């Protein structure tokens, strides 16, 4: 992975390695993960680096509720 991030319910990503933040609320892979679906994006242009990337997204759950998303950027 190039970086990983925890994304809050409002779509704000906080990256682990770079320390950067980004609003990913408009990305389909975030919307699906917030609905509870693991998924992988197609090739998208990163809002952080401006480079083509593929993102893996998984919901973070507490009980039956989705409280955020874990993403990995490749």
C-alpha atoms as a PDB file:
ATOM      1  CA  UNK A   1       0.000   0.000   0.000  1.00  0.00           C
ATOM      2  CA  UNK A   2       1.059   3.566  -0.710  1.00  0.00           C
ATOM      3  CA  UNK A   3      -0.953   4.732   2.308  1.00  0.00           C
ATOM      4  CA  UNK A   4      -3.929   3.763   4.448  1.00  0.00           C
ATOM      5  CA  UNK A   5      -6.593   5.928   6.030  1.00  0.00           C
ATOM      6  CA  UNK A   6      -9.472   5.855   8.445  1.00  0.00           C
ATOM      7  CA  UNK A   7     -12.508   7.595   6.992  1.00  0.00           C
ATOM      8  CA  UNK A   8     -15.180   9.070   9.256  1.00  0.00           C
ATOM      9  CA  UNK A   9     -18.908   8.796   8.583  1.00  0.00           C
ATOM     10  CA  UNK A  10     -18.888  12.213   6.873  1.00  0.00           C
ATOM     11  CA  UNK A  11     -16.290  11.019   4.333  1.00  0.00           C
ATOM     12  CA  UNK A  12     -13.201  12.703   5.779  1.00  0.00           C
ATOM     13  CA  UNK A  13     -10.077  10.565   5.346  1.00  0.00           C
ATOM     14  CA  UNK A  14      -7.140  10.768   7.756  1.00  0.00           C
ATOM     15  CA  UNK A  15      -4.081   9.117   6.201  1.00  0.00           C
ATOM     16  CA  UNK A  16      -1.727   7.127   8.433  1.00  0.00           C
ATOM     17  CA  UNK A  17       1.633   7.550   6.661  1.00  0.00           C
ATOM     18  CA  UNK A  18       1.396  11.003   5.107  1.00  0.00           C
ATOM     19  CA  UNK A  19      -0.768  12.585   7.811  1.00  0.00           C
ATOM     20  CA  UNK A  20      -2.827  14.247   5.074  1.00  0.00           C
ATOM     21  CA  UNK A  21      -6.604  14.578   5.026  1.00  0.00           C
ATOM     22  CA  UNK A  22      -9.084  14.496   2.149  1.00  0.00           C
ATOM     23  CA  UNK A  23     -12.835  14.715   1.633  1.00  0.00           C
ATOM     24  CA  UNK A  24     -13.789  11.436  -0.044  1.00  0.00           C
ATOM     25  CA  UNK A  25     -17.531  11.670   0.605  1.00  0.00           C
ATOM     26  CA  UNK A  26     -18.259  11.767  -3.150  1.00  0.00           C
ATOM     27  CA  UNK A  27     -16.371   8.543  -3.948  1.00  0.00           C
ATOM     28  CA  UNK A  28     -18.499   5.474  -4.692  1.00  0.00           C
ATOM     29  CA  UNK A  29     -16.148   3.123  -2.826  1.00  0.00           C
ATOM     30  CA  UNK A  30     -16.651   5.206   0.338  1.00  0.00           C
ATOM     31  CA  UNK A  31     -20.428   5.296  -0.072  1.00  0.00           C
ATOM     32  CA  UNK A  32     -20.550   1.506  -0.506  1.00  0.00           C
ATOM     33  CA  UNK A  33     -18.303   0.897   2.512  1.00  0.00           C
ATOM     34  CA  UNK A  34     -20.415   3.224   4.666  1.00  0.00           C
ATOM     35  CA  UNK A  35     -23.391   1.055   3.655  1.00  0.00           C
ATOM     36  CA  UNK A  36     -21.484  -1.996   4.954  1.00  0.00           C
ATOM     37  CA  UNK A  37     -20.028  -3.362   1.687  1.00  0.00           C
ATOM     38  CA  UNK A  38     -16.351  -4.241   1.242  1.00  0.00           C
ATOM     39  CA  UNK A  39     -15.254  -3.124  -2.230  1.00  0.00           C
ATOM     40  CA  UNK A  40     -12.420  -2.140  -4.535  1.00  0.00           C
ATOM     41  CA  UNK A  41     -12.507   0.964  -6.712  1.00  0.00           C
ATOM     42  CA  UNK A  42     -11.597   1.077 -10.342  1.00  0.00           C
ATOM     43  CA  UNK A  43      -8.611   3.227 -11.250  1.00  0.00           C
ATOM     44  CA  UNK A  44      -9.276   6.733  -9.884  1.00  0.00           C
ATOM     45  CA  UNK A  45      -7.176   9.872  -9.567  1.00  0.00           C
ATOM     46  CA  UNK A  46      -6.115  10.320  -5.948  1.00  0.00           C
ATOM     47  CA  UNK A  47      -7.298  13.559  -4.333  1.00  0.00           C
ATOM     48  CA  UNK A  48      -4.099  13.527  -2.248  1.00  0.00           C
ATOM     49  CA  UNK A  49      -1.389  12.697  -4.797  1.00  0.00           C
ATOM     50  CA  UNK A  50      -3.049  13.459  -8.142  1.00  0.00           C
ATOM     51  CA  UNK A  51      -1.842  10.050  -9.388  1.00  0.00           C
ATOM     52  CA  UNK A  52      -3.892   7.074 -10.644  1.00  0.00           C
ATOM     53  CA  UNK A  53      -4.626   4.635  -7.799  1.00  0.00           C
ATOM     54  CA  UNK A  54      -6.845   1.707  -6.843  1.00  0.00           C
ATOM     55  CA  UNK A  55      -8.466   1.860  -3.407  1.00  0.00           C
ATOM     56  CA  UNK A  56      -9.660  -1.028  -1.257  1.00  0.00           C
ATOM     57  CA  UNK A  57     -12.376  -0.063   1.233  1.00  0.00           C
ATOM     58  CA  UNK A  58     -13.814  -1.965   4.193  1.00  0.00           C
ATOM     59  CA  UNK A  59     -16.409  -0.845   6.733  1.00  0.00           C
ATOM     60  CA  UNK A  60     -15.361  -0.397  10.357  1.00  0.00           C
ATOM     61  CA  UNK A  61     -18.162  -1.701  12.558  1.00  0.00           C
ATOM     62  CA  UNK A  62     -19.189  -1.439  16.166  1.00  0.00           C
ATOM     63  CA  UNK A  63     -21.778  -4.143  16.709  1.00  0.00           C
ATOM     64  CA  UNK A  64     -24.067  -3.905  13.670  1.00  0.00           C
ATOM     65  CA  UNK A  65     -23.359  -0.218  13.001  1.00  0.00           C
ATOM     66  CA  UNK A  66     -20.837   1.121  10.501  1.00  0.00           C
ATOM     67  CA  UNK A  67     -18.789   3.787  12.287  1.00  0.00           C
ATOM     68  CA  UNK A  68     -16.197   4.468   9.594  1.00  0.00           C
ATOM     69  CA  UNK A  69     -14.166   2.986   6.755  1.00  0.00           C
ATOM     70  CA  UNK A  70     -10.627   1.663   6.450  1.00  0.00           C
ATOM     71  CA  UNK A  71      -9.058   2.291   3.035  1.00  0.00           C
ATOM     72  CA  UNK A  72      -5.813   1.186   1.453  1.00  0.00           C
ATOM     73  CA  UNK A  73      -4.453   3.090  -1.556  1.00  0.00           C
ATOM     74  CA  UNK A  74      -2.432   1.129  -4.128  1.00  0.00           C
END
